[in-house]
Amino acid sequence: DRARQGGALGELALFARLPRMSGYSAADAPIFVSNATDSPIVYILIREDENALDGADRLDKIYMPYIADPKGTPGPFGLTRYDFRDDSGYRRNDLFVGETPEGPLMLLCVRFSPEVSSPSCLAIDQPLAHDVTLSWRFKRAHLARWREISGNVEGLIRRFEKDPAGGR
């Protein structure tokens, strides 16, 4: 409700359905509330962040101190995989880094486990504008589509920039 009242917001959450990044509809309601392993819903968060770091700085300053091998290993889907040390708070996650024209894109992915049967990947805080970051979450089952999802999220944001009234 707060997001629908207008005015300045510290953060804005959006939900979109792959592949077209369409928004909620009554017909798709069951899909938007599902937590299925292969759910096509992408959760997008735009937020104020006075301490925004670009991908390379975030990797170096935030994650590298907890990484077992700073060289990483070739991962799936053109990604580099970094394993966290067992004594790290991130130990139940995998960090994948993909190269994009804008720099590294970090994907922090929860591992499958008996406790987490429908894990997600989080594309971590990409600077969007001065003191504003963009992140998004999608189901790990779609990791092979990371480039497509990244492009779709960026395309959606560009559409908002071109038409701030949302087509109205």
N, C-alpha and C. Protein backbone atom coordinates (compact mmCIF):
# COMPACT_ATOMS: atom_id res chain seq x y z
N ASP A 1 0.82 -1.20 0.00
CA ASP A 1 0.00 0.00 0.00
C ASP A 1 0.85 1.26 0.00
N ARG A 2 1.92 1.24 0.78
CA ARG A 2 2.79 2.41 0.89
C ARG A 2 3.36 2.78 -0.48
N ALA A 3 3.73 1.77 -1.28
CA ALA A 3 4.32 2.04 -2.59
C ALA A 3 3.31 2.63 -3.56
N ARG A 4 2.04 2.43 -3.31
CA ARG A 4 1.01 2.93 -4.22
C ARG A 4 0.56 4.35 -3.86
N GLN A 5 1.04 4.90 -2.76
CA GLN A 5 0.59 6.21 -2.32
C GLN A 5 1.36 7.35 -2.95
N GLY A 6 2.43 7.07 -3.66
CA GLY A 6 3.22 8.12 -4.28
C GLY A 6 4.19 8.74 -3.32
N GLY A 7 4.92 9.70 -3.82
CA GLY A 7 5.92 10.36 -2.99
C GLY A 7 7.24 9.61 -3.04
N ALA A 8 8.20 10.13 -2.31
CA ALA A 8 9.54 9.54 -2.27
C ALA A 8 9.53 8.23 -1.49
N LEU A 9 10.26 7.26 -2.02
CA LEU A 9 10.40 5.96 -1.38
C LEU A 9 11.88 5.64 -1.22
N GLY A 10 12.22 4.95 -0.15
CA GLY A 10 13.59 4.50 0.04
C GLY A 10 13.88 3.25 -0.76
N GLU A 11 12.82 2.50 -1.07
CA GLU A 11 12.97 1.30 -1.89
C GLU A 11 11.66 0.99 -2.59
N LEU A 12 11.79 0.30 -3.70
CA LEU A 12 10.64 -0.09 -4.49
C LEU A 12 10.82 -1.53 -4.92
N ALA A 13 9.86 -2.38 -4.59
CA ALA A 13 9.90 -3.79 -4.97
C ALA A 13 8.95 -4.02 -6.14
N LEU A 14 9.43 -4.76 -7.12
CA LEU A 14 8.65 -5.12 -8.30
C LEU A 14 8.72 -6.62 -8.50
N PHE A 15 7.69 -7.18 -9.09
CA PHE A 15 7.67 -8.59 -9.42
C PHE A 15 7.31 -8.72 -10.89
N ALA A 16 8.03 -9.56 -11.61
CA ALA A 16 7.78 -9.72 -13.03
C ALA A 16 7.91 -11.20 -13.39
N ARG A 17 7.19 -11.58 -14.43
CA ARG A 17 7.18 -12.97 -14.88
C ARG A 17 8.06 -13.12 -16.13
N LEU A 18 8.94 -14.10 -16.05
CA LEU A 18 9.76 -14.44 -17.22
C LEU A 18 8.88 -15.09 -18.28
N PRO A 19 9.19 -14.97 -19.54
CA PRO A 19 10.36 -14.28 -20.07
C PRO A 19 10.10 -12.83 -20.44
N ARG A 20 8.85 -12.41 -20.56
CA ARG A 20 8.54 -11.07 -21.07
C ARG A 20 8.59 -9.99 -20.00
N MET A 21 8.80 -10.36 -18.78
CA MET A 21 8.83 -9.43 -17.65
C MET A 21 7.47 -8.76 -17.47
N SER A 22 6.43 -9.54 -17.67
CA SER A 22 5.08 -9.02 -17.47
C SER A 22 4.77 -8.97 -15.98
N GLY A 23 3.90 -8.05 -15.63
CA GLY A 23 3.52 -7.88 -14.24
C GLY A 23 2.37 -8.79 -13.85
N TYR A 24 1.92 -8.59 -12.64
CA TYR A 24 0.85 -9.39 -12.05
C TYR A 24 -0.45 -9.24 -12.83
N SER A 25 -1.16 -10.34 -12.95
CA SER A 25 -2.53 -10.32 -13.47
C SER A 25 -3.32 -11.35 -12.67
N ALA A 26 -4.62 -11.18 -12.63
CA ALA A 26 -5.45 -12.14 -11.90
C ALA A 26 -5.30 -13.54 -12.47
N ALA A 27 -5.14 -13.64 -13.77
CA ALA A 27 -4.98 -14.95 -14.41
C ALA A 27 -3.69 -15.64 -13.97
N ASP A 28 -2.66 -14.85 -13.69
CA ASP A 28 -1.36 -15.41 -13.28
C ASP A 28 -1.16 -15.44 -11.77
N ALA A 29 -2.18 -15.11 -11.00
CA ALA A 29 -2.04 -15.04 -9.55
C ALA A 29 -1.41 -16.29 -8.94
N PRO A 30 -1.83 -17.51 -9.33
CA PRO A 30 -1.20 -18.70 -8.73
C PRO A 30 0.30 -18.78 -8.98
N ILE A 31 0.74 -18.29 -10.13
CA ILE A 31 2.17 -18.31 -10.45
C ILE A 31 2.92 -17.32 -9.57
N PHE A 32 2.34 -16.16 -9.31
CA PHE A 32 3.00 -15.13 -8.52
C PHE A 32 3.10 -15.50 -7.04
N VAL A 33 2.25 -16.37 -6.55
CA VAL A 33 2.33 -16.76 -5.14
C VAL A 33 3.04 -18.09 -4.94
N SER A 34 3.37 -18.76 -6.01
CA SER A 34 4.03 -20.06 -5.92
C SER A 34 5.50 -19.92 -5.52
N ASN A 35 6.00 -20.90 -4.81
CA ASN A 35 7.42 -20.97 -4.49
C ASN A 35 8.04 -22.20 -5.16
N ALA A 36 7.52 -22.55 -6.33
CA ALA A 36 8.01 -23.72 -7.05
C ALA A 36 9.49 -23.55 -7.39
N THR A 37 10.19 -24.65 -7.46
CA THR A 37 11.61 -24.64 -7.77
C THR A 37 11.90 -23.91 -9.07
N ASP A 38 11.00 -24.01 -10.03
CA ASP A 38 11.21 -23.38 -11.34
C ASP A 38 10.29 -22.18 -11.56
N SER A 39 9.85 -21.54 -10.50
CA SER A 39 8.97 -20.38 -10.62
C SER A 39 9.58 -19.35 -11.58
N PRO A 40 8.77 -18.80 -12.50
CA PRO A 40 9.27 -17.82 -13.44
C PRO A 40 9.24 -16.38 -12.92
N ILE A 41 9.02 -16.21 -11.63
CA ILE A 41 8.90 -14.86 -11.08
C ILE A 41 10.27 -14.32 -10.69
N VAL A 42 10.51 -13.07 -11.08
CA VAL A 42 11.74 -12.36 -10.72
C VAL A 42 11.32 -11.24 -9.76
N TYR A 43 11.97 -11.22 -8.61
CA TYR A 43 11.74 -10.18 -7.61
C TYR A 43 12.82 -9.11 -7.82
N ILE A 44 12.40 -7.89 -8.05
CA ILE A 44 13.32 -6.79 -8.36
C ILE A 44 13.23 -5.75 -7.24
N LEU A 45 14.37 -5.29 -6.80
CA LEU A 45 14.40 -4.28 -5.75
C LEU A 45 15.28 -3.12 -6.19
N ILE A 46 14.71 -1.93 -6.18
CA ILE A 46 15.43 -0.68 -6.43
C ILE A 46 15.45 0.05 -5.10
N ARG A 47 16.65 0.42 -4.65
CA ARG A 47 16.71 1.05 -3.33
C ARG A 47 17.81 2.10 -3.24
N GLU A 48 17.59 3.02 -2.30
CA GLU A 48 18.64 3.99 -1.99
C GLU A 48 19.79 3.25 -1.33
N ASP A 49 21.00 3.63 -1.69
CA ASP A 49 22.18 3.01 -1.11
C ASP A 49 23.33 4.01 -1.21
N GLU A 50 23.57 4.72 -0.14
CA GLU A 50 24.62 5.74 -0.14
C GLU A 50 26.01 5.13 -0.25
N ASN A 51 26.13 3.85 0.04
CA ASN A 51 27.43 3.18 0.01
C ASN A 51 27.54 2.21 -1.15
N ALA A 52 26.85 2.49 -2.24
CA ALA A 52 26.83 1.58 -3.39
C ALA A 52 28.25 1.32 -3.90
N LEU A 53 28.54 0.05 -4.13
CA LEU A 53 29.81 -0.38 -4.69
C LEU A 53 29.55 -0.98 -6.06
N ASP A 54 30.48 -0.78 -6.98
CA ASP A 54 30.33 -1.47 -8.25
C ASP A 54 30.69 -2.95 -8.03
N GLY A 55 30.45 -3.76 -9.05
CA GLY A 55 30.63 -5.19 -8.92
C GLY A 55 32.03 -5.59 -8.50
N ALA A 56 33.05 -4.99 -9.11
CA ALA A 56 34.44 -5.36 -8.80
C ALA A 56 34.79 -5.01 -7.35
N ASP A 57 34.39 -3.82 -6.90
CA ASP A 57 34.67 -3.43 -5.51
C ASP A 57 33.91 -4.30 -4.52
N ARG A 58 32.66 -4.62 -4.83
CA ARG A 58 31.88 -5.47 -3.93
C ARG A 58 32.50 -6.86 -3.81
N LEU A 59 32.93 -7.40 -4.93
CA LEU A 59 33.58 -8.71 -4.92
C LEU A 59 34.83 -8.66 -4.05
N ASP A 60 35.66 -7.65 -4.26
CA ASP A 60 36.92 -7.54 -3.55
C ASP A 60 36.73 -7.26 -2.06
N LYS A 61 35.88 -6.30 -1.73
CA LYS A 61 35.76 -5.86 -0.33
C LYS A 61 34.80 -6.68 0.52
N ILE A 62 33.72 -7.15 -0.08
CA ILE A 62 32.68 -7.83 0.70
C ILE A 62 32.86 -9.35 0.71
N TYR A 63 33.12 -9.93 -0.46
CA TYR A 63 33.10 -11.39 -0.56
C TYR A 63 34.47 -12.06 -0.50
N MET A 64 35.50 -11.48 -1.08
CA MET A 64 36.80 -12.14 -1.13
C MET A 64 37.35 -12.54 0.24
N PRO A 65 37.12 -11.77 1.30
CA PRO A 65 37.64 -12.21 2.59
C PRO A 65 37.05 -13.56 3.06
N TYR A 66 35.94 -13.99 2.47
CA TYR A 66 35.28 -15.23 2.89
C TYR A 66 35.42 -16.36 1.87
N ILE A 67 36.15 -16.10 0.79
CA ILE A 67 36.30 -17.06 -0.30
C ILE A 67 37.47 -18.00 -0.02
N ALA A 68 37.26 -19.30 -0.29
CA ALA A 68 38.31 -20.30 -0.07
C ALA A 68 39.46 -20.14 -1.06
N ASP A 69 39.15 -19.96 -2.34
CA ASP A 69 40.18 -19.82 -3.37
C ASP A 69 39.89 -18.56 -4.17
N PRO A 70 40.68 -17.51 -3.99
CA PRO A 70 40.38 -16.24 -4.66
C PRO A 70 40.46 -16.29 -6.18
N LYS A 71 41.03 -17.36 -6.74
CA LYS A 71 41.07 -17.50 -8.19
C LYS A 71 39.74 -17.99 -8.74
N GLY A 72 38.95 -18.66 -7.90
CA GLY A 72 37.70 -19.22 -8.37
C GLY A 72 37.96 -20.40 -9.30
N THR A 73 36.90 -20.99 -9.78
CA THR A 73 36.99 -22.11 -10.72
C THR A 73 35.97 -21.88 -11.82
N PRO A 74 36.23 -22.45 -13.01
CA PRO A 74 35.22 -22.32 -14.06
C PRO A 74 33.91 -22.96 -13.59
N GLY A 75 32.86 -22.20 -13.68
CA GLY A 75 31.56 -22.69 -13.27
C GLY A 75 30.69 -22.96 -14.49
N PRO A 76 29.44 -23.26 -14.25
CA PRO A 76 28.53 -23.52 -15.37
C PRO A 76 28.12 -22.22 -16.06
N PHE A 77 27.67 -22.35 -17.29
CA PHE A 77 27.00 -21.27 -18.02
C PHE A 77 27.86 -20.03 -18.22
N GLY A 78 29.18 -20.22 -18.36
CA GLY A 78 30.07 -19.10 -18.58
C GLY A 78 30.35 -18.28 -17.34
N LEU A 79 30.06 -18.82 -16.18
CA LEU A 79 30.26 -18.13 -14.90
C LEU A 79 31.54 -18.62 -14.23
N THR A 80 32.10 -17.80 -13.37
CA THR A 80 33.19 -18.24 -12.49
C THR A 80 32.57 -18.51 -11.13
N ARG A 81 32.93 -19.64 -10.56
CA ARG A 81 32.36 -20.04 -9.26
C ARG A 81 33.39 -19.80 -8.17
N TYR A 82 32.92 -19.22 -7.08
CA TYR A 82 33.74 -19.02 -5.89
C TYR A 82 33.06 -19.75 -4.73
N ASP A 83 33.85 -20.58 -4.06
CA ASP A 83 33.33 -21.31 -2.90
C ASP A 83 33.71 -20.57 -1.63
N PHE A 84 32.76 -20.46 -0.74
CA PHE A 84 33.01 -19.81 0.54
C PHE A 84 33.66 -20.79 1.51
N ARG A 85 34.46 -20.25 2.40
CA ARG A 85 35.08 -21.06 3.45
C ARG A 85 33.99 -21.64 4.35
N ASP A 86 34.28 -22.79 4.94
CA ASP A 86 33.32 -23.46 5.83
C ASP A 86 33.03 -22.65 7.09
N ASP A 87 33.94 -21.77 7.49
CA ASP A 87 33.72 -20.96 8.70
C ASP A 87 33.04 -19.63 8.37
N SER A 88 32.60 -19.48 7.13
CA SER A 88 31.96 -18.24 6.69
C SER A 88 30.44 -18.30 6.88
N GLY A 89 29.85 -17.18 7.13
CA GLY A 89 28.40 -17.10 7.19
C GLY A 89 27.74 -17.34 5.83
N TYR A 90 28.53 -17.31 4.78
CA TYR A 90 28.03 -17.54 3.43
C TYR A 90 28.15 -19.01 3.01
N ARG A 91 28.58 -19.89 3.90
CA ARG A 91 28.94 -21.26 3.54
C ARG A 91 27.82 -22.07 2.89
N ARG A 92 26.58 -21.67 3.03
CA ARG A 92 25.46 -22.40 2.42
C ARG A 92 25.07 -21.80 1.06
N ASN A 93 25.96 -20.97 0.54
CA ASN A 93 25.73 -20.30 -0.74
C ASN A 93 26.89 -20.57 -1.69
N ASP A 94 26.61 -20.38 -2.96
CA ASP A 94 27.64 -20.37 -4.00
C ASP A 94 27.64 -18.97 -4.58
N LEU A 95 28.82 -18.47 -4.88
CA LEU A 95 28.95 -17.18 -5.54
C LEU A 95 29.40 -17.43 -6.97
N PHE A 96 28.59 -16.96 -7.91
CA PHE A 96 28.93 -17.05 -9.32
C PHE A 96 29.12 -15.63 -9.84
N VAL A 97 30.14 -15.45 -10.66
CA VAL A 97 30.41 -14.13 -11.23
C VAL A 97 30.43 -14.26 -12.74
N GLY A 98 29.62 -13.44 -13.37
CA GLY A 98 29.57 -13.39 -14.83
C GLY A 98 30.04 -12.04 -15.31
N GLU A 99 30.73 -12.04 -16.41
CA GLU A 99 31.21 -10.77 -16.99
C GLU A 99 30.14 -10.20 -17.91
N THR A 100 29.88 -8.93 -17.72
CA THR A 100 28.93 -8.19 -18.55
C THR A 100 29.63 -6.94 -19.08
N PRO A 101 29.07 -6.27 -20.06
CA PRO A 101 29.68 -5.02 -20.54
C PRO A 101 29.82 -3.96 -19.44
N GLU A 102 28.95 -4.02 -18.43
CA GLU A 102 28.99 -3.05 -17.33
C GLU A 102 29.96 -3.46 -16.24
N GLY A 103 30.54 -4.66 -16.33
CA GLY A 103 31.44 -5.17 -15.29
C GLY A 103 30.91 -6.46 -14.72
N PRO A 104 31.51 -6.96 -13.65
CA PRO A 104 31.09 -8.24 -13.11
C PRO A 104 29.69 -8.19 -12.50
N LEU A 105 28.93 -9.24 -12.77
CA LEU A 105 27.62 -9.42 -12.16
C LEU A 105 27.75 -10.58 -11.18
N MET A 106 27.46 -10.32 -9.92
CA MET A 106 27.58 -11.35 -8.90
C MET A 106 26.22 -11.95 -8.60
N LEU A 107 26.21 -13.27 -8.58
CA LEU A 107 25.00 -14.02 -8.28
C LEU A 107 25.27 -14.88 -7.04
N LEU A 108 24.64 -14.52 -5.96
CA LEU A 108 24.77 -15.28 -4.71
C LEU A 108 23.61 -16.27 -4.68
N CYS A 109 23.93 -17.55 -4.81
CA CYS A 109 22.91 -18.58 -4.95
C CYS A 109 22.89 -19.50 -3.74
N VAL A 110 21.73 -19.65 -3.16
CA VAL A 110 21.55 -20.59 -2.06
C VAL A 110 21.67 -22.00 -2.64
N ARG A 111 22.34 -22.87 -1.90
CA ARG A 111 22.49 -24.25 -2.34
C ARG A 111 21.23 -25.06 -2.06
N PHE A 112 20.98 -26.05 -2.91
CA PHE A 112 19.92 -27.01 -2.63
C PHE A 112 20.29 -27.75 -1.36
N SER A 113 19.31 -28.02 -0.51
CA SER A 113 19.53 -28.78 0.72
C SER A 113 18.18 -29.30 1.20
N PRO A 114 18.18 -30.21 2.15
CA PRO A 114 16.88 -30.65 2.70
C PRO A 114 16.08 -29.50 3.30
N GLU A 115 16.78 -28.48 3.80
CA GLU A 115 16.09 -27.33 4.41
C GLU A 115 15.62 -26.33 3.35
N VAL A 116 16.27 -26.31 2.19
CA VAL A 116 15.95 -25.35 1.14
C VAL A 116 15.73 -26.12 -0.16
N SER A 117 14.49 -26.44 -0.42
CA SER A 117 14.18 -27.24 -1.60
C SER A 117 13.91 -26.38 -2.84
N SER A 118 13.76 -25.08 -2.66
CA SER A 118 13.48 -24.18 -3.78
C SER A 118 14.39 -22.95 -3.69
N PRO A 119 15.70 -23.15 -3.86
CA PRO A 119 16.64 -22.03 -3.66
C PRO A 119 16.59 -20.98 -4.76
N SER A 120 17.06 -19.80 -4.40
CA SER A 120 17.09 -18.66 -5.30
C SER A 120 18.51 -18.17 -5.50
N CYS A 121 18.68 -17.36 -6.51
CA CYS A 121 19.92 -16.63 -6.75
C CYS A 121 19.61 -15.14 -6.66
N LEU A 122 20.52 -14.40 -6.08
CA LEU A 122 20.36 -12.97 -5.93
C LEU A 122 21.43 -12.27 -6.75
N ALA A 123 21.02 -11.46 -7.71
CA ALA A 123 21.95 -10.58 -8.43
C ALA A 123 22.15 -9.38 -7.53
N ILE A 124 23.37 -9.21 -7.08
CA ILE A 124 23.66 -8.33 -5.96
C ILE A 124 23.87 -6.89 -6.39
N ASP A 125 23.13 -5.98 -5.77
CA ASP A 125 23.26 -4.53 -5.82
C ASP A 125 24.14 -3.97 -6.93
N GLN A 126 23.55 -3.81 -8.08
CA GLN A 126 24.22 -3.15 -9.20
C GLN A 126 23.90 -1.66 -9.13
N PRO A 127 24.91 -0.79 -9.19
CA PRO A 127 24.62 0.65 -9.19
C PRO A 127 23.73 1.01 -10.38
N LEU A 128 22.65 1.71 -10.09
CA LEU A 128 21.69 2.11 -11.12
C LEU A 128 21.80 3.59 -11.43
N ALA A 129 21.99 4.37 -10.39
CA ALA A 129 22.16 5.82 -10.49
C ALA A 129 22.89 6.24 -9.22
N HIS A 130 23.16 7.53 -9.10
CA HIS A 130 23.85 8.02 -7.90
C HIS A 130 23.05 7.62 -6.65
N ASP A 131 23.67 6.85 -5.77
CA ASP A 131 23.08 6.40 -4.49
C ASP A 131 21.84 5.52 -4.67
N VAL A 132 21.72 4.85 -5.82
CA VAL A 132 20.59 3.95 -6.07
C VAL A 132 21.14 2.64 -6.64
N THR A 133 20.67 1.52 -6.07
CA THR A 133 21.10 0.22 -6.56
C THR A 133 19.90 -0.61 -7.01
N LEU A 134 20.23 -1.58 -7.84
CA LEU A 134 19.25 -2.50 -8.39
C LEU A 134 19.71 -3.92 -8.08
N SER A 135 18.83 -4.72 -7.54
CA SER A 135 19.14 -6.14 -7.35
C SER A 135 17.90 -6.92 -7.76
N TRP A 136 18.10 -8.19 -8.04
CA TRP A 136 16.97 -9.03 -8.40
C TRP A 136 17.25 -10.46 -7.98
N ARG A 137 16.16 -11.18 -7.75
CA ARG A 137 16.25 -12.57 -7.30
C ARG A 137 15.40 -13.43 -8.22
N PHE A 138 15.92 -14.61 -8.53
CA PHE A 138 15.22 -15.57 -9.37
C PHE A 138 15.57 -16.97 -8.87
N LYS A 139 14.81 -17.95 -9.28
CA LYS A 139 15.04 -19.31 -8.82
C LYS A 139 16.33 -19.88 -9.43
N ARG A 140 17.08 -20.59 -8.60
CA ARG A 140 18.35 -21.16 -9.04
C ARG A 140 18.17 -22.08 -10.24
N ALA A 141 17.01 -22.68 -10.38
CA ALA A 141 16.75 -23.55 -11.52
C ALA A 141 16.93 -22.81 -12.85
N HIS A 142 16.87 -21.48 -12.82
CA HIS A 142 17.03 -20.66 -14.03
C HIS A 142 18.44 -20.08 -14.19
N LEU A 143 19.40 -20.58 -13.43
CA LEU A 143 20.75 -20.03 -13.48
C LEU A 143 21.33 -20.05 -14.90
N ALA A 144 21.00 -21.05 -15.67
CA ALA A 144 21.51 -21.13 -17.05
C ALA A 144 21.05 -19.92 -17.87
N ARG A 145 19.99 -19.25 -17.45
CA ARG A 145 19.43 -18.11 -18.17
C ARG A 145 19.88 -16.77 -17.59
N TRP A 146 20.97 -16.76 -16.82
CA TRP A 146 21.36 -15.55 -16.11
C TRP A 146 21.54 -14.35 -17.03
N ARG A 147 22.11 -14.55 -18.21
CA ARG A 147 22.31 -13.42 -19.13
C ARG A 147 20.96 -12.89 -19.62
N GLU A 148 20.07 -13.79 -19.99
CA GLU A 148 18.74 -13.40 -20.45
C GLU A 148 17.98 -12.64 -19.35
N ILE A 149 18.03 -13.18 -18.14
CA ILE A 149 17.31 -12.53 -17.03
C ILE A 149 17.90 -11.16 -16.76
N SER A 150 19.22 -11.07 -16.74
CA SER A 150 19.87 -9.78 -16.53
C SER A 150 19.45 -8.77 -17.60
N GLY A 151 19.47 -9.19 -18.85
CA GLY A 151 19.05 -8.31 -19.93
C GLY A 151 17.59 -7.92 -19.83
N ASN A 152 16.74 -8.86 -19.41
CA ASN A 152 15.32 -8.56 -19.26
C ASN A 152 15.07 -7.55 -18.14
N VAL A 153 15.78 -7.71 -17.02
CA VAL A 153 15.63 -6.76 -15.92
C VAL A 153 16.10 -5.38 -16.35
N GLU A 154 17.25 -5.32 -17.00
CA GLU A 154 17.77 -4.03 -17.46
C GLU A 154 16.82 -3.40 -18.48
N GLY A 155 16.24 -4.21 -19.36
CA GLY A 155 15.28 -3.69 -20.33
C GLY A 155 14.04 -3.13 -19.66
N LEU A 156 13.56 -3.82 -18.63
CA LEU A 156 12.39 -3.33 -17.89
C LEU A 156 12.69 -1.98 -17.25
N ILE A 157 13.85 -1.86 -16.64
CA ILE A 157 14.22 -0.59 -15.99
C ILE A 157 14.35 0.51 -17.05
N ARG A 158 14.94 0.21 -18.19
CA ARG A 158 15.05 1.21 -19.26
C ARG A 158 13.67 1.66 -19.73
N ARG A 159 12.71 0.74 -19.78
CA ARG A 159 11.36 1.12 -20.19
C ARG A 159 10.77 2.11 -19.19
N PHE A 160 11.03 1.93 -17.90
CA PHE A 160 10.53 2.87 -16.91
C PHE A 160 11.20 4.22 -17.07
N GLU A 161 12.49 4.21 -17.38
CA GLU A 161 13.21 5.47 -17.56
C GLU A 161 12.67 6.24 -18.74
N LYS A 162 12.32 5.56 -19.82
CA LYS A 162 11.80 6.21 -21.01
C LYS A 162 10.38 6.71 -20.80
N ASP A 163 9.62 5.99 -19.99
CA ASP A 163 8.21 6.33 -19.76
C ASP A 163 7.92 6.30 -18.27
N PRO A 164 8.34 7.33 -17.52
CA PRO A 164 8.19 7.31 -16.08
C PRO A 164 6.74 7.22 -15.61
N ALA A 165 5.80 7.53 -16.45
CA ALA A 165 4.38 7.43 -16.06
C ALA A 165 3.87 6.02 -16.25
N GLY A 166 4.71 5.12 -16.72
CA GLY A 166 4.30 3.73 -16.88
C GLY A 166 3.32 3.52 -18.03
N GLY A 167 3.39 4.36 -19.05
CA GLY A 167 2.51 4.18 -20.21
C GLY A 167 1.16 4.85 -20.06
N ARG A 168 1.00 5.63 -19.03
CA ARG A 168 -0.30 6.28 -18.79
C ARG A 168 -0.32 7.67 -19.34
